Amino acid sequence: MEIPFGMNEEEVESIILKVAQKLAPKYVFASYNVEDIEQEAFIIALEALDRYDTDKPLENFLYTHVNNRLKNFKRDNYYRQDHGTAQKIQDRKKNLHEPIDIDGLYSVSTKDNTITDAHIREMTELIDKKLPSHLRRDYLKLRNNSFLPKSRKANVIRVIEEIINGEYNEEG
């Protein structure tokens, strides 16, 4: 932690505590109480000091930074009881954060789900040959594990499965 120029450690700590105590009640949820959120906010504020621009007021900077990070913290850790167990919720979140394994799509062509490099090369060539040009950019995003909206991802996967299974109609 680097103390901003012209301030001492006690001043910085009092500003951080003030911001943490002001924001913490807004972000209490699930099994987290005010003290837990205050501790989280304090840690977030300490980490943010390295990025502080001394031309601006420290309290304003920390308030904005901690507020945004606590929003992310709540979003990433919140779960609702009516959507299943906490573990199921976390598994769903994990699936959203992990990129799709495009090679896993190729398993649809083999009955025992075993694939060799030759199969992958053959299927990649088939996809490259038959994939419509309007889906090529989305397909490349999938291959590179880049973000792609859910509906577009599902559309590309559906067309790839049709191509691999020999069911794709090139006319539409």
C-alpha atoms as a PDB file:
ATOM      1  CA  MET A   1       0.000   0.000   0.000  1.00  0.00           C
ATOM      2  CA  GLU A   2       1.326   3.381  -0.967  1.00  0.00           C
ATOM      3  CA  ILE A   3       0.241   6.377   1.096  1.00  0.00           C
ATOM      4  CA  PRO A   4      -0.740   9.292  -1.179  1.00  0.00           C
ATOM      5  CA  PHE A   5       1.677  12.228  -1.165  1.00  0.00           C
ATOM      6  CA  GLY A   6       0.906  14.819   1.484  1.00  0.00           C
ATOM      7  CA  MET A   7      -1.135  12.470   3.688  1.00  0.00           C
ATOM      8  CA  ASN A   8      -0.243  10.250   6.602  1.00  0.00           C
ATOM      9  CA  GLU A   9      -1.394   6.727   7.307  1.00  0.00           C
ATOM     10  CA  GLU A  10      -3.999   7.745   9.904  1.00  0.00           C
ATOM     11  CA  GLU A  11      -5.686  10.193   7.521  1.00  0.00           C
ATOM     12  CA  VAL A  12      -5.887   7.599   4.763  1.00  0.00           C
ATOM     13  CA  GLU A  13      -7.198   4.958   7.141  1.00  0.00           C
ATOM     14  CA  SER A  14      -9.913   7.288   8.477  1.00  0.00           C
ATOM     15  CA  ILE A  15     -11.051   8.128   4.922  1.00  0.00           C
ATOM     16  CA  ILE A  16     -11.139   4.441   3.979  1.00  0.00           C
ATOM     17  CA  LEU A  17     -13.143   3.588   7.111  1.00  0.00           C
ATOM     18  CA  LYS A  18     -15.575   6.424   6.414  1.00  0.00           C
ATOM     19  CA  VAL A  19     -16.165   5.202   2.847  1.00  0.00           C
ATOM     20  CA  ALA A  20     -16.444   1.551   3.934  1.00  0.00           C
ATOM     21  CA  GLN A  21     -18.933   2.366   6.693  1.00  0.00           C
ATOM     22  CA  LYS A  22     -20.983   4.544   4.359  1.00  0.00           C
ATOM     23  CA  LEU A  23     -21.240   1.922   1.595  1.00  0.00           C
ATOM     24  CA  ALA A  24     -21.406  -1.358   3.530  1.00  0.00           C
ATOM     25  CA  PRO A  25     -25.089  -1.197   4.571  1.00  0.00           C
ATOM     26  CA  LYS A  26     -26.139  -0.849   0.917  1.00  0.00           C
ATOM     27  CA  TYR A  27     -24.484  -4.140  -0.028  1.00  0.00           C
ATOM     28  CA  VAL A  28     -25.498  -6.525   2.769  1.00  0.00           C
ATOM     29  CA  PHE A  29     -26.921  -9.728   1.273  1.00  0.00           C
ATOM     30  CA  ALA A  30     -27.283 -13.465   1.838  1.00  0.00           C
ATOM     31  CA  SER A  31     -24.956 -14.560   4.651  1.00  0.00           C
ATOM     32  CA  TYR A  32     -22.806 -11.403   4.504  1.00  0.00           C
ATOM     33  CA  ASN A  33     -23.392  -8.915   7.313  1.00  0.00           C
ATOM     34  CA  VAL A  34     -22.341  -5.250   7.544  1.00  0.00           C
ATOM     35  CA  GLU A  35     -18.979  -6.061   9.117  1.00  0.00           C
ATOM     36  CA  ASP A  36     -18.123  -8.529   6.332  1.00  0.00           C
ATOM     37  CA  ILE A  37     -18.921  -5.958   3.658  1.00  0.00           C
ATOM     38  CA  GLU A  38     -16.955  -3.274   5.539  1.00  0.00           C
ATOM     39  CA  GLN A  39     -13.917  -5.558   5.581  1.00  0.00           C
ATOM     40  CA  GLU A  40     -14.326  -6.280   1.885  1.00  0.00           C
ATOM     41  CA  ALA A  41     -14.655  -2.550   1.155  1.00  0.00           C
ATOM     42  CA  PHE A  42     -11.558  -1.796   3.232  1.00  0.00           C
ATOM     43  CA  ILE A  43      -9.500  -4.325   1.280  1.00  0.00           C
ATOM     44  CA  ILE A  44     -10.829  -3.010  -2.031  1.00  0.00           C
ATOM     45  CA  ALA A  45      -9.919   0.546  -1.019  1.00  0.00           C
ATOM     46  CA  LEU A  46      -6.397  -0.469  -0.002  1.00  0.00           C
ATOM     47  CA  GLU A  47      -5.860  -2.158  -3.357  1.00  0.00           C
ATOM     48  CA  ALA A  48      -7.124   0.960  -5.156  1.00  0.00           C
ATOM     49  CA  LEU A  49      -4.620   3.343  -3.553  1.00  0.00           C
ATOM     50  CA  ASP A  50      -1.989   2.436  -6.146  1.00  0.00           C
ATOM     51  CA  ARG A  51      -4.239   3.879  -8.880  1.00  0.00           C
ATOM     52  CA  TYR A  52      -5.161   7.069  -7.009  1.00  0.00           C
ATOM     53  CA  ASP A  53      -4.616  10.361  -8.863  1.00  0.00           C
ATOM     54  CA  THR A  54      -3.488  12.884  -6.235  1.00  0.00           C
ATOM     55  CA  ASP A  55      -5.062  15.775  -8.161  1.00  0.00           C
ATOM     56  CA  LYS A  56      -8.532  14.602  -7.097  1.00  0.00           C
ATOM     57  CA  PRO A  57     -10.052  14.161  -3.612  1.00  0.00           C
ATOM     58  CA  LEU A  58      -9.218  10.761  -2.129  1.00  0.00           C
ATOM     59  CA  GLU A  59     -12.672  10.231  -0.635  1.00  0.00           C
ATOM     60  CA  ASN A  60     -14.432  10.781  -3.973  1.00  0.00           C
ATOM     61  CA  PHE A  61     -12.054   8.407  -5.741  1.00  0.00           C
ATOM     62  CA  LEU A  62     -12.447   5.682  -3.116  1.00  0.00           C
ATOM     63  CA  TYR A  63     -16.223   6.067  -2.906  1.00  0.00           C
ATOM     64  CA  THR A  64     -16.634   5.552  -6.658  1.00  0.00           C
ATOM     65  CA  HIS A  65     -14.098   2.741  -6.873  1.00  0.00           C
ATOM     66  CA  VAL A  66     -15.344   0.824  -3.820  1.00  0.00           C
ATOM     67  CA  ASN A  67     -18.989   1.316  -4.816  1.00  0.00           C
ATOM     68  CA  ASN A  68     -18.358  -0.214  -8.258  1.00  0.00           C
ATOM     69  CA  ARG A  69     -16.312  -3.090  -6.887  1.00  0.00           C
ATOM     70  CA  LEU A  70     -18.940  -3.884  -4.239  1.00  0.00           C
ATOM     71  CA  LYS A  71     -21.562  -4.033  -6.980  1.00  0.00           C
ATOM     72  CA  ASN A  72     -19.407  -6.609  -8.739  1.00  0.00           C
ATOM     73  CA  PHE A  73     -18.812  -8.462  -5.471  1.00  0.00           C
ATOM     74  CA  LYS A  74     -22.531  -8.702  -4.781  1.00  0.00           C
ATOM     75  CA  ARG A  75     -23.337  -9.751  -8.341  1.00  0.00           C
ATOM     76  CA  ASP A  76     -20.654 -12.459  -8.305  1.00  0.00           C
ATOM     77  CA  ASN A  77     -21.549 -13.866  -4.889  1.00  0.00           C
ATOM     78  CA  TYR A  78     -25.311 -13.427  -4.661  1.00  0.00           C
ATOM     79  CA  TYR A  79     -27.647 -16.353  -5.140  1.00  0.00           C
ATOM     80  CA  ARG A  80     -31.356 -16.759  -4.746  1.00  0.00           C
ATOM     81  CA  GLN A  81     -32.857 -19.637  -2.823  1.00  0.00           C
ATOM     82  CA  ASP A  82     -35.568 -20.213  -5.414  1.00  0.00           C
ATOM     83  CA  HIS A  83     -33.051 -21.072  -8.142  1.00  0.00           C
ATOM     84  CA  GLY A  84     -31.600 -24.193  -6.577  1.00  0.00           C
ATOM     85  CA  THR A  85     -28.785 -24.903  -4.186  1.00  0.00           C
ATOM     86  CA  ALA A  86     -25.819 -22.601  -3.841  1.00  0.00           C
ATOM     87  CA  GLN A  87     -23.600 -25.204  -5.496  1.00  0.00           C
ATOM     88  CA  LYS A  88     -25.859 -25.431  -8.544  1.00  0.00           C
ATOM     89  CA  ILE A  89     -25.873 -21.641  -8.825  1.00  0.00           C
ATOM     90  CA  GLN A  90     -22.086 -21.524  -8.562  1.00  0.00           C
ATOM     91  CA  ASP A  91     -21.787 -24.268 -11.196  1.00  0.00           C
ATOM     92  CA  ARG A  92     -24.009 -22.266 -13.550  1.00  0.00           C
ATOM     93  CA  LYS A  93     -21.921 -19.148 -12.956  1.00  0.00           C
ATOM     94  CA  LYS A  94     -18.749 -21.135 -13.555  1.00  0.00           C
ATOM     95  CA  ASN A  95     -20.123 -22.380 -16.875  1.00  0.00           C
ATOM     96  CA  LEU A  96     -20.856 -18.801 -17.908  1.00  0.00           C
ATOM     97  CA  HIS A  97     -17.338 -17.687 -17.073  1.00  0.00           C
ATOM     98  CA  GLU A  98     -15.538 -20.587 -18.708  1.00  0.00           C
ATOM     99  CA  PRO A  99     -15.203 -20.389 -22.473  1.00  0.00           C
ATOM    100  CA  ILE A 100     -16.836 -22.988 -24.648  1.00  0.00           C
ATOM    101  CA  ASP A 101     -14.625 -25.859 -25.681  1.00  0.00           C
ATOM    102  CA  ILE A 102     -15.148 -25.879 -29.437  1.00  0.00           C
ATOM    103  CA  ASP A 103     -13.376 -29.252 -29.670  1.00  0.00           C
ATOM    104  CA  GLY A 104     -16.157 -30.690 -27.512  1.00  0.00           C
ATOM    105  CA  LEU A 105     -18.548 -30.070 -30.380  1.00  0.00           C
ATOM    106  CA  TYR A 106     -16.680 -32.585 -32.470  1.00  0.00           C
ATOM    107  CA  SER A 107     -17.712 -35.412 -30.165  1.00  0.00           C
ATOM    108  CA  VAL A 108     -21.176 -35.411 -31.734  1.00  0.00           C
ATOM    109  CA  SER A 109     -19.776 -37.265 -34.724  1.00  0.00           C
ATOM    110  CA  THR A 110     -18.439 -40.284 -32.855  1.00  0.00           C
ATOM    111  CA  LYS A 111     -20.566 -42.799 -31.029  1.00  0.00           C
ATOM    112  CA  ASP A 112     -18.008 -43.457 -28.286  1.00  0.00           C
ATOM    113  CA  ASN A 113     -17.018 -39.759 -27.978  1.00  0.00           C
ATOM    114  CA  THR A 114     -13.379 -40.455 -28.798  1.00  0.00           C
ATOM    115  CA  ILE A 115     -11.621 -38.150 -31.196  1.00  0.00           C
ATOM    116  CA  THR A 116      -8.254 -38.180 -32.856  1.00  0.00           C
ATOM    117  CA  ASP A 117      -6.361 -35.207 -34.215  1.00  0.00           C
ATOM    118  CA  ALA A 118      -7.198 -36.458 -37.703  1.00  0.00           C
ATOM    119  CA  HIS A 119     -10.916 -36.304 -36.866  1.00  0.00           C
ATOM    120  CA  ILE A 120     -10.562 -32.767 -35.568  1.00  0.00           C
ATOM    121  CA  ARG A 121      -8.657 -31.626 -38.668  1.00  0.00           C
ATOM    122  CA  GLU A 122     -11.210 -33.278 -40.946  1.00  0.00           C
ATOM    123  CA  MET A 123     -14.157 -31.731 -39.135  1.00  0.00           C
ATOM    124  CA  THR A 124     -12.497 -28.311 -38.990  1.00  0.00           C
ATOM    125  CA  GLU A 125     -11.966 -28.441 -42.747  1.00  0.00           C
ATOM    126  CA  LEU A 126     -15.599 -29.499 -43.233  1.00  0.00           C
ATOM    127  CA  ILE A 127     -16.828 -26.633 -41.053  1.00  0.00           C
ATOM    128  CA  ASP A 128     -14.571 -24.141 -42.847  1.00  0.00           C
ATOM    129  CA  LYS A 129     -15.879 -25.368 -46.189  1.00  0.00           C
ATOM    130  CA  LYS A 130     -19.602 -25.408 -45.372  1.00  0.00           C
ATOM    131  CA  LEU A 131     -20.045 -22.707 -42.734  1.00  0.00           C
ATOM    132  CA  PRO A 132     -22.059 -19.770 -44.138  1.00  0.00           C
ATOM    133  CA  SER A 133     -20.059 -16.557 -44.430  1.00  0.00           C
ATOM    134  CA  HIS A 134     -22.460 -14.633 -42.158  1.00  0.00           C
ATOM    135  CA  LEU A 135     -21.547 -17.012 -39.276  1.00  0.00           C
ATOM    136  CA  ARG A 136     -17.783 -17.052 -39.849  1.00  0.00           C
ATOM    137  CA  ARG A 137     -16.990 -14.126 -37.517  1.00  0.00           C
ATOM    138  CA  ASP A 138     -19.034 -15.669 -34.691  1.00  0.00           C
ATOM    139  CA  TYR A 139     -17.402 -19.053 -35.301  1.00  0.00           C
ATOM    140  CA  LEU A 140     -13.932 -17.500 -35.059  1.00  0.00           C
ATOM    141  CA  LYS A 141     -14.944 -15.784 -31.822  1.00  0.00           C
ATOM    142  CA  LEU A 142     -15.982 -19.173 -30.443  1.00  0.00           C
ATOM    143  CA  ARG A 143     -12.700 -20.716 -31.521  1.00  0.00           C
ATOM    144  CA  ASN A 144     -10.773 -17.910 -29.820  1.00  0.00           C
ATOM    145  CA  ASN A 145     -12.921 -18.083 -26.664  1.00  0.00           C
ATOM    146  CA  SER A 146     -14.074 -14.487 -27.125  1.00  0.00           C
ATOM    147  CA  PHE A 147     -17.383 -13.199 -25.806  1.00  0.00           C
ATOM    148  CA  LEU A 148     -20.380 -14.029 -27.939  1.00  0.00           C
ATOM    149  CA  PRO A 149     -24.025 -13.425 -26.984  1.00  0.00           C
ATOM    150  CA  LYS A 150     -25.880 -16.562 -25.959  1.00  0.00           C
ATOM    151  CA  SER A 151     -28.311 -16.622 -28.905  1.00  0.00           C
ATOM    152  CA  ARG A 152     -25.557 -16.170 -31.509  1.00  0.00           C
ATOM    153  CA  LYS A 153     -23.424 -18.813 -29.804  1.00  0.00           C
ATOM    154  CA  ALA A 154     -26.347 -21.252 -29.850  1.00  0.00           C
ATOM    155  CA  ASN A 155     -26.978 -20.540 -33.529  1.00  0.00           C
ATOM    156  CA  VAL A 156     -23.342 -21.213 -34.498  1.00  0.00           C
ATOM    157  CA  ILE A 157     -23.248 -24.400 -32.440  1.00  0.00           C
ATOM    158  CA  ARG A 158     -26.506 -25.608 -34.013  1.00  0.00           C
ATOM    159  CA  VAL A 159     -25.170 -25.030 -37.552  1.00  0.00           C
ATOM    160  CA  ILE A 160     -21.843 -26.714 -36.712  1.00  0.00           C
ATOM    161  CA  GLU A 161     -23.660 -29.750 -35.336  1.00  0.00           C
ATOM    162  CA  GLU A 162     -25.793 -29.901 -38.492  1.00  0.00           C
ATOM    163  CA  ILE A 163     -22.674 -29.678 -40.670  1.00  0.00           C
ATOM    164  CA  ILE A 164     -20.890 -32.412 -38.721  1.00  0.00           C
ATOM    165  CA  ASN A 165     -23.948 -34.683 -38.766  1.00  0.00           C
ATOM    166  CA  GLY A 166     -24.477 -34.063 -42.487  1.00  0.00           C
ATOM    167  CA  GLU A 167     -27.854 -32.429 -41.904  1.00  0.00           C
ATOM    168  CA  TYR A 168     -26.949 -28.875 -42.951  1.00  0.00           C
ATOM    169  CA  ASN A 169     -28.816 -27.542 -45.978  1.00  0.00           C
ATOM    170  CA  GLU A 170     -26.672 -24.917 -47.708  1.00  0.00           C
ATOM    171  CA  GLU A 171     -29.639 -23.308 -49.482  1.00  0.00           C
ATOM    172  CA  GLY A 172     -31.208 -22.106 -46.250  1.00  0.00           C
END
